[in-house]
Amino acid sequence: YINAKQAGLSAGQIQQISGALQEKFDFNRQLRAGDTFHVLVAKQYIKGQYTYESEVLSVLIKTSRQTYSAFLSEDGRYYDEKGQGLGKAYRRSPLDGRNRISSHFNPRRLHPVTKKIRPHNGTDFAVRTGTRVYSIGDGVVKRAGYHPAAGNYIVIKHGRKYTTRYLHLSKVYVRKGQRIKMGHLIAKSGNTGRSTGPHLHYEFH
């Protein structure tokens, strides 16, 4: 933010840039000393006077590992150099095919093990142990481990807004800090932790 201000960008323009790339790039964690950025801005003038109306037309951020780009189209949306929209797309489900839901999201569910009213902050899919589990979108693995209640579990951060959780897994194929793409095989379902039978507990925050 400081470097962008020093380069002459306004707070509004910086917000446009972070909004355009928020699903592809983590400005808080991925920037390093030596990385560079290039921004093309259209400024509006009336009779030679700058009106402070402006639009970010394109952005290029070069890091030591990768180059990120965003180009404003006539439809008002940003696209990368391959013409792919930068708005996030997600899989409808972390599983292939249609699968029976054994327990819906319910803030006042009677827990089948403890017999107490506890919120069920996810969706349970009734699938057999060993069913393939996929990431519903691009992201970074924030946690991957074991918990007495959740069993083997994975937490994935998707951009700045969303997080997904996958619980009671039999096998985990990812590690903390790993960057993954939508459709990446991350685990196999199971019956670990506090569970009454094989299933996948899935949460979207």
N, C-alpha and C. Protein backbone atom coordinates (compact mmCIF):
# COMPACT_ATOMS: atom_id res chain seq x y z
N TYR A 1 0.84 -1.20 0.00
CA TYR A 1 0.00 0.00 0.00
C TYR A 1 0.88 1.25 0.00
N ILE A 2 1.90 1.23 0.83
CA ILE A 2 2.80 2.40 0.92
C ILE A 2 3.51 2.64 -0.41
N ASN A 3 4.03 1.56 -1.03
CA ASN A 3 4.71 1.70 -2.32
C ASN A 3 3.75 2.19 -3.40
N ALA A 4 2.52 1.70 -3.37
CA ALA A 4 1.53 2.12 -4.36
C ALA A 4 1.20 3.60 -4.20
N LYS A 5 1.08 4.07 -2.96
CA LYS A 5 0.82 5.49 -2.71
C LYS A 5 1.99 6.34 -3.19
N GLN A 6 3.21 5.86 -2.94
CA GLN A 6 4.39 6.59 -3.37
C GLN A 6 4.48 6.67 -4.89
N ALA A 7 3.91 5.67 -5.56
CA ALA A 7 3.93 5.66 -7.03
C ALA A 7 2.85 6.57 -7.62
N GLY A 8 2.00 7.14 -6.74
CA GLY A 8 0.99 8.08 -7.22
C GLY A 8 -0.41 7.53 -7.30
N LEU A 9 -0.61 6.30 -6.83
CA LEU A 9 -1.96 5.72 -6.87
C LEU A 9 -2.79 6.20 -5.68
N SER A 10 -4.08 6.35 -5.92
CA SER A 10 -4.98 6.77 -4.85
C SER A 10 -5.45 5.56 -4.06
N ALA A 11 -6.08 5.81 -2.91
CA ALA A 11 -6.61 4.71 -2.10
C ALA A 11 -7.67 3.94 -2.88
N GLY A 12 -8.47 4.65 -3.67
CA GLY A 12 -9.50 4.00 -4.47
C GLY A 12 -8.91 3.09 -5.54
N GLN A 13 -7.83 3.55 -6.18
CA GLN A 13 -7.18 2.74 -7.20
C GLN A 13 -6.53 1.50 -6.59
N ILE A 14 -5.93 1.66 -5.41
CA ILE A 14 -5.33 0.52 -4.72
C ILE A 14 -6.40 -0.50 -4.37
N GLN A 15 -7.58 -0.01 -3.96
CA GLN A 15 -8.68 -0.91 -3.65
C GLN A 15 -9.15 -1.65 -4.90
N GLN A 16 -9.18 -0.97 -6.04
CA GLN A 16 -9.53 -1.61 -7.31
C GLN A 16 -8.57 -2.77 -7.62
N ILE A 17 -7.29 -2.52 -7.40
CA ILE A 17 -6.27 -3.53 -7.69
C ILE A 17 -6.42 -4.73 -6.77
N SER A 18 -6.55 -4.48 -5.48
CA SER A 18 -6.68 -5.59 -4.53
C SER A 18 -7.98 -6.35 -4.77
N GLY A 19 -9.03 -5.64 -5.17
CA GLY A 19 -10.29 -6.31 -5.47
C GLY A 19 -10.20 -7.19 -6.71
N ALA A 20 -9.47 -6.71 -7.72
CA ALA A 20 -9.34 -7.46 -8.96
C ALA A 20 -8.57 -8.75 -8.77
N LEU A 21 -7.55 -8.71 -7.91
CA LEU A 21 -6.66 -9.87 -7.75
C LEU A 21 -6.84 -10.62 -6.44
N GLN A 22 -7.87 -10.27 -5.68
CA GLN A 22 -7.99 -10.83 -4.33
C GLN A 22 -8.13 -12.35 -4.30
N GLU A 23 -8.67 -12.94 -5.36
CA GLU A 23 -8.85 -14.39 -5.37
C GLU A 23 -7.63 -15.13 -5.88
N LYS A 24 -6.67 -14.39 -6.46
CA LYS A 24 -5.48 -15.02 -7.03
C LYS A 24 -4.21 -14.73 -6.25
N PHE A 25 -4.24 -13.64 -5.49
CA PHE A 25 -3.00 -13.17 -4.88
C PHE A 25 -3.26 -12.65 -3.47
N ASP A 26 -2.45 -13.09 -2.51
CA ASP A 26 -2.56 -12.65 -1.12
C ASP A 26 -1.55 -11.54 -0.90
N PHE A 27 -2.02 -10.30 -0.89
CA PHE A 27 -1.12 -9.15 -0.77
C PHE A 27 -0.42 -9.11 0.59
N ASN A 28 -1.00 -9.72 1.59
CA ASN A 28 -0.40 -9.70 2.93
C ASN A 28 0.74 -10.70 3.08
N ARG A 29 0.70 -11.79 2.33
CA ARG A 29 1.64 -12.88 2.56
C ARG A 29 2.59 -13.16 1.40
N GLN A 30 2.19 -12.83 0.16
CA GLN A 30 2.97 -13.25 -0.99
C GLN A 30 3.98 -12.22 -1.50
N LEU A 31 3.85 -10.96 -1.10
CA LEU A 31 4.77 -9.94 -1.57
C LEU A 31 6.09 -10.00 -0.81
N ARG A 32 7.18 -9.81 -1.55
CA ARG A 32 8.52 -9.82 -0.96
C ARG A 32 9.31 -8.62 -1.49
N ALA A 33 10.35 -8.23 -0.76
CA ALA A 33 11.24 -7.17 -1.24
C ALA A 33 11.81 -7.57 -2.60
N GLY A 34 11.78 -6.65 -3.56
CA GLY A 34 12.28 -6.93 -4.90
C GLY A 34 11.18 -7.23 -5.91
N ASP A 35 9.97 -7.57 -5.43
CA ASP A 35 8.85 -7.76 -6.34
C ASP A 35 8.47 -6.42 -6.96
N THR A 36 7.92 -6.45 -8.16
CA THR A 36 7.58 -5.21 -8.85
C THR A 36 6.12 -5.22 -9.30
N PHE A 37 5.59 -4.01 -9.51
CA PHE A 37 4.23 -3.89 -10.03
C PHE A 37 4.14 -2.78 -11.06
N HIS A 38 3.25 -2.99 -12.01
CA HIS A 38 3.00 -2.01 -13.07
C HIS A 38 1.50 -1.82 -13.17
N VAL A 39 1.06 -0.58 -13.22
CA VAL A 39 -0.38 -0.28 -13.24
C VAL A 39 -0.66 0.73 -14.34
N LEU A 40 -1.68 0.46 -15.15
CA LEU A 40 -2.12 1.39 -16.19
C LEU A 40 -3.46 1.98 -15.74
N VAL A 41 -3.49 3.31 -15.59
CA VAL A 41 -4.68 3.98 -15.08
C VAL A 41 -5.21 4.97 -16.11
N ALA A 42 -6.53 5.00 -16.30
CA ALA A 42 -7.18 5.99 -17.15
C ALA A 42 -7.72 7.10 -16.25
N LYS A 43 -7.27 8.34 -16.47
CA LYS A 43 -7.73 9.47 -15.67
C LYS A 43 -8.63 10.38 -16.51
N GLN A 44 -9.66 10.88 -15.87
CA GLN A 44 -10.62 11.72 -16.59
C GLN A 44 -10.32 13.20 -16.33
N TYR A 45 -10.24 13.97 -17.43
CA TYR A 45 -10.01 15.41 -17.34
C TYR A 45 -11.16 16.14 -18.03
N ILE A 46 -11.57 17.25 -17.47
CA ILE A 46 -12.58 18.10 -18.09
C ILE A 46 -11.98 19.50 -18.22
N LYS A 47 -11.81 19.93 -19.48
CA LYS A 47 -11.20 21.23 -19.78
C LYS A 47 -9.83 21.37 -19.11
N GLY A 48 -9.08 20.26 -19.15
CA GLY A 48 -7.73 20.28 -18.63
C GLY A 48 -7.61 20.09 -17.13
N GLN A 49 -8.73 19.98 -16.45
CA GLN A 49 -8.71 19.81 -15.00
C GLN A 49 -9.00 18.35 -14.64
N TYR A 50 -8.12 17.77 -13.81
CA TYR A 50 -8.29 16.38 -13.37
C TYR A 50 -9.50 16.29 -12.45
N THR A 51 -10.43 15.40 -12.77
CA THR A 51 -11.68 15.29 -12.00
C THR A 51 -11.58 14.30 -10.85
N TYR A 52 -10.45 13.64 -10.73
CA TYR A 52 -10.24 12.59 -9.73
C TYR A 52 -11.10 11.35 -9.99
N GLU A 53 -11.68 11.29 -11.19
CA GLU A 53 -12.35 10.08 -11.64
C GLU A 53 -11.31 9.26 -12.40
N SER A 54 -11.10 8.02 -12.01
CA SER A 54 -10.09 7.20 -12.67
C SER A 54 -10.48 5.73 -12.62
N GLU A 55 -9.86 4.97 -13.51
CA GLU A 55 -10.13 3.54 -13.56
C GLU A 55 -8.83 2.81 -13.79
N VAL A 56 -8.62 1.72 -13.07
CA VAL A 56 -7.43 0.89 -13.27
C VAL A 56 -7.71 -0.03 -14.46
N LEU A 57 -6.96 0.15 -15.53
CA LEU A 57 -7.18 -0.62 -16.76
C LEU A 57 -6.44 -1.95 -16.73
N SER A 58 -5.24 -1.96 -16.15
CA SER A 58 -4.49 -3.21 -16.10
C SER A 58 -3.48 -3.18 -14.97
N VAL A 59 -3.14 -4.37 -14.50
CA VAL A 59 -2.18 -4.53 -13.39
C VAL A 59 -1.25 -5.69 -13.73
N LEU A 60 0.02 -5.53 -13.41
CA LEU A 60 1.00 -6.60 -13.58
C LEU A 60 1.85 -6.64 -12.32
N ILE A 61 1.83 -7.75 -11.62
CA ILE A 61 2.65 -7.92 -10.42
C ILE A 61 3.62 -9.06 -10.68
N LYS A 62 4.90 -8.76 -10.56
CA LYS A 62 5.93 -9.76 -10.81
C LYS A 62 6.61 -10.13 -9.49
N THR A 63 6.51 -11.40 -9.11
CA THR A 63 7.21 -11.90 -7.93
C THR A 63 8.34 -12.81 -8.40
N SER A 64 9.10 -13.31 -7.47
CA SER A 64 10.22 -14.19 -7.84
C SER A 64 9.71 -15.52 -8.38
N ARG A 65 8.46 -15.86 -8.09
CA ARG A 65 7.93 -17.15 -8.50
C ARG A 65 6.96 -17.07 -9.68
N GLN A 66 6.20 -15.98 -9.77
CA GLN A 66 5.12 -15.95 -10.75
C GLN A 66 4.75 -14.52 -11.09
N THR A 67 4.08 -14.36 -12.24
CA THR A 67 3.57 -13.06 -12.66
C THR A 67 2.05 -13.11 -12.63
N TYR A 68 1.45 -12.11 -12.02
CA TYR A 68 -0.01 -12.02 -11.92
C TYR A 68 -0.49 -10.81 -12.70
N SER A 69 -1.59 -10.98 -13.44
CA SER A 69 -2.08 -9.88 -14.26
C SER A 69 -3.59 -9.76 -14.17
N ALA A 70 -4.06 -8.55 -14.46
CA ALA A 70 -5.50 -8.29 -14.50
C ALA A 70 -5.74 -7.21 -15.53
N PHE A 71 -6.72 -7.44 -16.42
CA PHE A 71 -7.04 -6.49 -17.48
C PHE A 71 -8.53 -6.21 -17.46
N LEU A 72 -8.88 -4.93 -17.44
CA LEU A 72 -10.29 -4.54 -17.39
C LEU A 72 -10.91 -4.66 -18.77
N SER A 73 -12.06 -5.35 -18.83
CA SER A 73 -12.77 -5.53 -20.09
C SER A 73 -13.92 -4.53 -20.19
N GLU A 74 -14.51 -4.44 -21.37
CA GLU A 74 -15.64 -3.53 -21.58
C GLU A 74 -16.85 -3.93 -20.74
N ASP A 75 -16.88 -5.19 -20.28
CA ASP A 75 -18.02 -5.61 -19.46
C ASP A 75 -17.84 -5.24 -17.99
N GLY A 76 -16.74 -4.53 -17.67
CA GLY A 76 -16.52 -4.08 -16.31
C GLY A 76 -15.85 -5.10 -15.41
N ARG A 77 -15.49 -6.25 -15.96
CA ARG A 77 -14.84 -7.30 -15.17
C ARG A 77 -13.36 -7.40 -15.54
N TYR A 78 -12.57 -7.97 -14.62
CA TYR A 78 -11.14 -8.15 -14.87
C TYR A 78 -10.86 -9.59 -15.31
N TYR A 79 -9.90 -9.71 -16.25
CA TYR A 79 -9.49 -11.02 -16.78
C TYR A 79 -7.97 -11.11 -16.74
N ASP A 80 -7.45 -12.35 -16.73
CA ASP A 80 -5.99 -12.52 -16.78
C ASP A 80 -5.53 -12.54 -18.23
N GLU A 81 -4.21 -12.79 -18.42
CA GLU A 81 -3.65 -12.73 -19.79
C GLU A 81 -4.19 -13.83 -20.70
N LYS A 82 -4.81 -14.86 -20.12
CA LYS A 82 -5.39 -15.93 -20.92
C LYS A 82 -6.87 -15.71 -21.20
N GLY A 83 -7.39 -14.59 -20.72
CA GLY A 83 -8.79 -14.30 -20.95
C GLY A 83 -9.73 -14.96 -19.96
N GLN A 84 -9.18 -15.50 -18.89
CA GLN A 84 -10.02 -16.15 -17.88
C GLN A 84 -10.43 -15.13 -16.83
N GLY A 85 -11.72 -15.16 -16.46
CA GLY A 85 -12.23 -14.24 -15.47
C GLY A 85 -11.55 -14.42 -14.13
N LEU A 86 -11.32 -13.32 -13.42
CA LEU A 86 -10.64 -13.39 -12.13
C LEU A 86 -11.61 -13.55 -10.97
N GLY A 87 -12.90 -13.51 -11.25
CA GLY A 87 -13.88 -13.81 -10.22
C GLY A 87 -13.80 -15.29 -9.89
N LYS A 88 -13.88 -15.60 -8.61
CA LYS A 88 -13.68 -16.99 -8.17
C LYS A 88 -14.81 -17.91 -8.61
N ALA A 89 -14.42 -19.08 -9.08
CA ALA A 89 -15.38 -20.15 -9.38
C ALA A 89 -15.11 -21.30 -8.42
N TYR A 90 -16.17 -21.96 -8.00
CA TYR A 90 -16.04 -23.06 -7.07
C TYR A 90 -16.80 -24.29 -7.54
N ARG A 91 -16.30 -25.45 -7.15
CA ARG A 91 -17.06 -26.67 -7.36
C ARG A 91 -18.28 -26.62 -6.45
N ARG A 92 -19.37 -27.20 -6.92
CA ARG A 92 -20.58 -27.25 -6.10
C ARG A 92 -20.38 -28.17 -4.90
N SER A 93 -19.58 -29.23 -5.08
CA SER A 93 -19.39 -30.21 -4.03
C SER A 93 -17.93 -30.68 -4.01
N PRO A 94 -17.41 -31.09 -2.86
CA PRO A 94 -16.05 -31.63 -2.80
C PRO A 94 -15.97 -33.08 -3.24
N LEU A 95 -17.10 -33.64 -3.66
CA LEU A 95 -17.16 -35.04 -4.07
C LEU A 95 -17.65 -35.13 -5.51
N ASP A 96 -17.31 -36.21 -6.19
CA ASP A 96 -17.83 -36.46 -7.53
C ASP A 96 -19.24 -37.02 -7.44
N GLY A 97 -20.05 -36.71 -8.47
CA GLY A 97 -21.38 -37.29 -8.56
C GLY A 97 -22.35 -36.74 -7.53
N ARG A 98 -23.51 -37.38 -7.47
CA ARG A 98 -24.54 -37.00 -6.51
C ARG A 98 -24.44 -37.91 -5.29
N ASN A 99 -24.42 -37.32 -4.12
CA ASN A 99 -24.26 -38.10 -2.89
C ASN A 99 -25.32 -37.70 -1.87
N ARG A 100 -25.81 -38.68 -1.15
CA ARG A 100 -26.86 -38.42 -0.17
C ARG A 100 -26.33 -37.60 1.00
N ILE A 101 -27.09 -36.60 1.40
CA ILE A 101 -26.75 -35.79 2.56
C ILE A 101 -27.41 -36.41 3.78
N SER A 102 -26.59 -36.83 4.75
CA SER A 102 -27.11 -37.48 5.94
C SER A 102 -27.42 -36.50 7.07
N SER A 103 -26.80 -35.30 7.01
CA SER A 103 -27.06 -34.28 8.02
C SER A 103 -26.80 -32.90 7.43
N HIS A 104 -27.81 -32.05 7.46
CA HIS A 104 -27.70 -30.71 6.89
C HIS A 104 -27.11 -29.73 7.90
N PHE A 105 -26.79 -28.54 7.44
CA PHE A 105 -26.40 -27.45 8.33
C PHE A 105 -27.55 -27.18 9.28
N ASN A 106 -27.28 -27.17 10.58
CA ASN A 106 -28.35 -27.03 11.56
C ASN A 106 -27.79 -26.41 12.85
N PRO A 107 -28.14 -25.16 13.17
CA PRO A 107 -27.60 -24.51 14.37
C PRO A 107 -28.10 -25.12 15.68
N ARG A 108 -29.14 -25.98 15.63
CA ARG A 108 -29.68 -26.57 16.86
C ARG A 108 -29.85 -28.09 16.71
N ARG A 109 -28.83 -28.74 16.21
CA ARG A 109 -28.91 -30.19 16.01
C ARG A 109 -28.64 -30.94 17.31
N LEU A 110 -29.34 -32.04 17.50
CA LEU A 110 -29.07 -32.95 18.60
C LEU A 110 -27.89 -33.82 18.19
N HIS A 111 -26.75 -33.67 18.88
CA HIS A 111 -25.55 -34.40 18.51
C HIS A 111 -25.78 -35.90 18.70
N PRO A 112 -25.48 -36.72 17.68
CA PRO A 112 -25.75 -38.16 17.77
C PRO A 112 -24.89 -38.90 18.78
N VAL A 113 -23.76 -38.33 19.17
CA VAL A 113 -22.86 -38.99 20.13
C VAL A 113 -23.07 -38.45 21.54
N THR A 114 -23.02 -37.11 21.69
CA THR A 114 -23.12 -36.51 23.03
C THR A 114 -24.56 -36.35 23.50
N LYS A 115 -25.53 -36.43 22.57
CA LYS A 115 -26.96 -36.26 22.87
C LYS A 115 -27.27 -34.87 23.43
N LYS A 116 -26.42 -33.88 23.07
CA LYS A 116 -26.65 -32.50 23.47
C LYS A 116 -26.94 -31.64 22.25
N ILE A 117 -27.67 -30.54 22.47
CA ILE A 117 -27.96 -29.62 21.38
C ILE A 117 -26.69 -28.83 21.05
N ARG A 118 -26.17 -29.05 19.87
CA ARG A 118 -24.96 -28.36 19.43
C ARG A 118 -25.13 -27.96 17.96
N PRO A 119 -24.61 -26.78 17.57
CA PRO A 119 -24.72 -26.39 16.15
C PRO A 119 -23.94 -27.33 15.25
N HIS A 120 -24.53 -27.69 14.13
CA HIS A 120 -23.84 -28.49 13.11
C HIS A 120 -23.51 -27.55 11.97
N ASN A 121 -22.27 -27.06 11.96
CA ASN A 121 -21.88 -25.98 11.05
C ASN A 121 -21.38 -26.47 9.70
N GLY A 122 -21.98 -27.52 9.21
CA GLY A 122 -21.56 -28.04 7.92
C GLY A 122 -22.59 -28.99 7.34
N THR A 123 -22.16 -29.71 6.34
CA THR A 123 -23.01 -30.69 5.66
C THR A 123 -22.31 -32.04 5.69
N ASP A 124 -23.04 -33.07 6.07
CA ASP A 124 -22.49 -34.43 6.10
C ASP A 124 -22.95 -35.20 4.86
N PHE A 125 -21.98 -35.72 4.12
CA PHE A 125 -22.28 -36.56 2.96
C PHE A 125 -22.08 -38.03 3.35
N ALA A 126 -23.10 -38.83 3.15
CA ALA A 126 -23.03 -40.25 3.50
C ALA A 126 -22.31 -41.01 2.40
N VAL A 127 -20.99 -41.12 2.53
CA VAL A 127 -20.17 -41.84 1.54
C VAL A 127 -19.30 -42.85 2.27
N ARG A 128 -18.94 -43.89 1.59
CA ARG A 128 -18.14 -44.94 2.21
C ARG A 128 -16.70 -44.48 2.39
N THR A 129 -16.00 -45.11 3.31
CA THR A 129 -14.60 -44.80 3.56
C THR A 129 -13.77 -45.00 2.29
N GLY A 130 -12.91 -44.04 2.01
CA GLY A 130 -12.06 -44.12 0.82
C GLY A 130 -12.59 -43.35 -0.37
N THR A 131 -13.72 -42.65 -0.22
CA THR A 131 -14.25 -41.83 -1.31
C THR A 131 -13.34 -40.62 -1.52
N ARG A 132 -13.04 -40.32 -2.75
CA ARG A 132 -12.12 -39.21 -3.07
C ARG A 132 -12.74 -37.86 -2.71
N VAL A 133 -11.92 -37.00 -2.08
CA VAL A 133 -12.35 -35.67 -1.67
C VAL A 133 -11.48 -34.64 -2.39
N TYR A 134 -12.13 -33.64 -3.02
CA TYR A 134 -11.41 -32.65 -3.82
C TYR A 134 -11.59 -31.24 -3.25
N SER A 135 -10.60 -30.38 -3.47
CA SER A 135 -10.72 -28.98 -3.09
C SER A 135 -11.76 -28.33 -3.99
N ILE A 136 -12.63 -27.52 -3.41
CA ILE A 136 -13.71 -26.89 -4.21
C ILE A 136 -13.20 -25.65 -4.93
N GLY A 137 -11.95 -25.21 -4.66
CA GLY A 137 -11.42 -24.04 -5.34
C GLY A 137 -9.93 -23.90 -5.11
N ASP A 138 -9.32 -22.92 -5.79
CA ASP A 138 -7.90 -22.62 -5.57
C ASP A 138 -7.72 -22.13 -4.13
N GLY A 139 -6.59 -22.45 -3.52
CA GLY A 139 -6.37 -21.97 -2.17
C GLY A 139 -5.06 -22.44 -1.57
N VAL A 140 -4.92 -22.18 -0.29
CA VAL A 140 -3.73 -22.56 0.48
C VAL A 140 -4.19 -23.38 1.68
N VAL A 141 -3.51 -24.49 1.93
CA VAL A 141 -3.84 -25.34 3.07
C VAL A 141 -3.36 -24.64 4.34
N LYS A 142 -4.31 -24.28 5.21
CA LYS A 142 -3.97 -23.61 6.46
C LYS A 142 -3.70 -24.60 7.59
N ARG A 143 -4.41 -25.72 7.55
CA ARG A 143 -4.21 -26.75 8.57
C ARG A 143 -4.44 -28.12 7.95
N ALA A 144 -3.70 -29.09 8.45
CA ALA A 144 -3.91 -30.49 8.04
C ALA A 144 -3.36 -31.33 9.19
N GLY A 145 -4.27 -32.00 9.90
CA GLY A 145 -3.81 -32.75 11.06
C GLY A 145 -4.89 -33.63 11.65
N TYR A 146 -4.80 -33.84 12.96
CA TYR A 146 -5.76 -34.70 13.65
C TYR A 146 -6.30 -33.99 14.88
N HIS A 147 -7.62 -34.16 15.12
CA HIS A 147 -8.28 -33.63 16.31
C HIS A 147 -9.20 -34.72 16.84
N PRO A 148 -9.28 -34.89 18.17
CA PRO A 148 -10.12 -35.96 18.73
C PRO A 148 -11.56 -35.95 18.25
N ALA A 149 -12.12 -34.77 18.01
CA ALA A 149 -13.52 -34.69 17.54
C ALA A 149 -13.61 -34.73 16.02
N ALA A 150 -12.74 -33.97 15.36
CA ALA A 150 -12.80 -33.86 13.89
C ALA A 150 -12.11 -35.01 13.19
N GLY A 151 -11.28 -35.77 13.91
CA GLY A 151 -10.49 -36.82 13.27
C GLY A 151 -9.43 -36.20 12.39
N ASN A 152 -9.05 -36.89 11.32
CA ASN A 152 -8.14 -36.30 10.33
C ASN A 152 -8.90 -35.21 9.59
N TYR A 153 -8.31 -34.02 9.51
CA TYR A 153 -9.05 -32.91 8.93
C TYR A 153 -8.13 -32.00 8.13
N ILE A 154 -8.76 -31.17 7.26
CA ILE A 154 -8.04 -30.20 6.43
C ILE A 154 -8.81 -28.89 6.45
N VAL A 155 -8.07 -27.76 6.53
CA VAL A 155 -8.66 -26.43 6.42
C VAL A 155 -7.96 -25.72 5.27
N ILE A 156 -8.74 -25.20 4.32
CA ILE A 156 -8.18 -24.51 3.15
C ILE A 156 -8.71 -23.08 3.08
N LYS A 157 -7.80 -22.13 2.88
CA LYS A 157 -8.17 -20.72 2.72
C LYS A 157 -8.24 -20.40 1.24
N HIS A 158 -9.38 -19.83 0.80
CA HIS A 158 -9.59 -19.48 -0.61
C HIS A 158 -9.64 -17.96 -0.73
N GLY A 159 -8.56 -17.34 -1.21
CA GLY A 159 -8.53 -15.89 -1.31
C GLY A 159 -8.65 -15.25 0.07
N ARG A 160 -9.27 -14.06 0.11
CA ARG A 160 -9.39 -13.35 1.38
C ARG A 160 -10.71 -13.62 2.09
N LYS A 161 -11.69 -14.17 1.36
CA LYS A 161 -13.04 -14.24 1.91
C LYS A 161 -13.44 -15.59 2.47
N TYR A 162 -13.04 -16.67 1.82
CA TYR A 162 -13.65 -17.96 2.13
C TYR A 162 -12.67 -18.99 2.67
N THR A 163 -13.22 -19.88 3.48
CA THR A 163 -12.46 -21.00 4.04
C THR A 163 -13.32 -22.25 3.97
N THR A 164 -12.71 -23.40 3.65
CA THR A 164 -13.44 -24.66 3.67
C THR A 164 -12.77 -25.62 4.63
N ARG A 165 -13.58 -26.54 5.22
CA ARG A 165 -13.07 -27.53 6.17
C ARG A 165 -13.59 -28.90 5.75
N TYR A 166 -12.74 -29.91 5.91
CA TYR A 166 -13.07 -31.28 5.53
C TYR A 166 -12.68 -32.17 6.72
N LEU A 167 -13.65 -32.88 7.30
CA LEU A 167 -13.42 -33.61 8.56
C LEU A 167 -13.65 -35.12 8.42
N HIS A 168 -13.14 -35.87 9.41
CA HIS A 168 -13.32 -37.32 9.57
C HIS A 168 -12.68 -38.11 8.42
N LEU A 169 -11.57 -37.64 7.91
CA LEU A 169 -10.93 -38.23 6.74
C LEU A 169 -10.14 -39.49 7.12
N SER A 170 -10.05 -40.40 6.15
CA SER A 170 -9.23 -41.60 6.38
C SER A 170 -7.79 -41.37 5.94
N LYS A 171 -7.60 -40.55 4.90
CA LYS A 171 -6.26 -40.23 4.41
C LYS A 171 -6.20 -38.76 4.02
N VAL A 172 -5.04 -38.14 4.27
CA VAL A 172 -4.81 -36.74 3.92
C VAL A 172 -3.62 -36.67 2.96
N TYR A 173 -3.81 -36.00 1.82
CA TYR A 173 -2.77 -35.95 0.79
C TYR A 173 -2.10 -34.57 0.64
N VAL A 174 -2.43 -33.62 1.53
CA VAL A 174 -1.85 -32.28 1.42
C VAL A 174 -1.19 -31.92 2.76
N ARG A 175 -0.40 -30.87 2.75
CA ARG A 175 0.29 -30.42 3.95
C ARG A 175 0.07 -28.92 4.15
N LYS A 176 0.29 -28.48 5.35
CA LYS A 176 0.12 -27.06 5.68
C LYS A 176 1.03 -26.19 4.80
N GLY A 177 0.46 -25.12 4.25
CA GLY A 177 1.21 -24.20 3.41
C GLY A 177 1.19 -24.54 1.94
N GLN A 178 0.67 -25.69 1.57
CA GLN A 178 0.65 -26.11 0.18
C GLN A 178 -0.42 -25.34 -0.60
N ARG A 179 -0.06 -24.85 -1.78
CA ARG A 179 -1.02 -24.17 -2.67
C ARG A 179 -1.65 -25.21 -3.59
N ILE A 180 -2.96 -25.16 -3.71
CA ILE A 180 -3.67 -26.15 -4.50
C ILE A 180 -4.66 -25.48 -5.45
N LYS A 181 -5.05 -26.22 -6.47
CA LYS A 181 -6.00 -25.74 -7.46
C LYS A 181 -7.36 -26.40 -7.25
N MET A 182 -8.38 -25.78 -7.83
CA MET A 182 -9.71 -26.37 -7.78
C MET A 182 -9.69 -27.76 -8.41
N GLY A 183 -10.29 -28.74 -7.74
CA GLY A 183 -10.32 -30.10 -8.24
C GLY A 183 -9.15 -30.94 -7.81
N HIS A 184 -8.24 -30.37 -7.02
CA HIS A 184 -7.07 -31.11 -6.53
C HIS A 184 -7.54 -32.17 -5.53
N LEU A 185 -7.05 -33.41 -5.71
CA LEU A 185 -7.37 -34.48 -4.76
C LEU A 185 -6.64 -34.20 -3.46
N ILE A 186 -7.40 -33.96 -2.38
CA ILE A 186 -6.78 -33.58 -1.11
C ILE A 186 -6.86 -34.68 -0.06
N ALA A 187 -7.82 -35.60 -0.19
CA ALA A 187 -8.01 -36.59 0.87
C ALA A 187 -8.96 -37.69 0.41
N LYS A 188 -9.16 -38.66 1.31
CA LYS A 188 -10.21 -39.67 1.15
C LYS A 188 -11.06 -39.67 2.41
N SER A 189 -12.35 -39.82 2.22
CA SER A 189 -13.29 -39.77 3.34
C SER A 189 -13.06 -40.95 4.28
N GLY A 190 -13.58 -40.81 5.51
CA GLY A 190 -13.38 -41.87 6.48
C GLY A 190 -14.36 -41.83 7.63
N ASN A 191 -13.89 -42.28 8.79
CA ASN A 191 -14.72 -42.40 9.98
C ASN A 191 -13.90 -42.11 11.22
N THR A 192 -12.95 -41.16 11.10
CA THR A 192 -12.05 -40.87 12.21
C THR A 192 -12.65 -39.80 13.12
N GLY A 193 -12.17 -39.75 14.36
CA GLY A 193 -12.66 -38.76 15.31
C GLY A 193 -14.00 -39.16 15.90
N ARG A 194 -14.75 -38.17 16.33
CA ARG A 194 -16.07 -38.39 16.94
C ARG A 194 -17.10 -38.54 15.83
N SER A 195 -17.29 -39.76 15.40
CA SER A 195 -18.13 -40.04 14.24
C SER A 195 -18.92 -41.33 14.47
N THR A 196 -20.15 -41.34 13.96
CA THR A 196 -21.00 -42.53 14.13
C THR A 196 -20.98 -43.45 12.93
N GLY A 197 -20.25 -43.08 11.88
CA GLY A 197 -20.19 -43.90 10.68
C GLY A 197 -19.43 -43.19 9.58
N PRO A 198 -19.06 -43.90 8.54
CA PRO A 198 -18.30 -43.29 7.43
C PRO A 198 -19.08 -42.14 6.78
N HIS A 199 -18.45 -41.00 6.66
CA HIS A 199 -19.06 -39.86 5.98
C HIS A 199 -18.02 -38.75 5.82
N LEU A 200 -18.38 -37.73 5.05
CA LEU A 200 -17.55 -36.53 4.94
C LEU A 200 -18.31 -35.36 5.53
N HIS A 201 -17.71 -34.72 6.53
CA HIS A 201 -18.27 -33.47 7.07
C HIS A 201 -17.57 -32.33 6.34
N TYR A 202 -18.34 -31.45 5.71
CA TYR A 202 -17.82 -30.39 4.87
C TYR A 202 -18.40 -29.05 5.30
N GLU A 203 -17.53 -28.04 5.42
CA GLU A 203 -17.98 -26.69 5.80
C GLU A 203 -17.45 -25.67 4.81
N PHE A 204 -18.29 -24.67 4.55
CA PHE A 204 -17.90 -23.54 3.69
C PHE A 204 -18.18 -22.27 4.49
N HIS A 205 -17.09 -21.57 4.88
CA HIS A 205 -17.21 -20.34 5.65
C HIS A 205 -16.98 -19.13 4.74
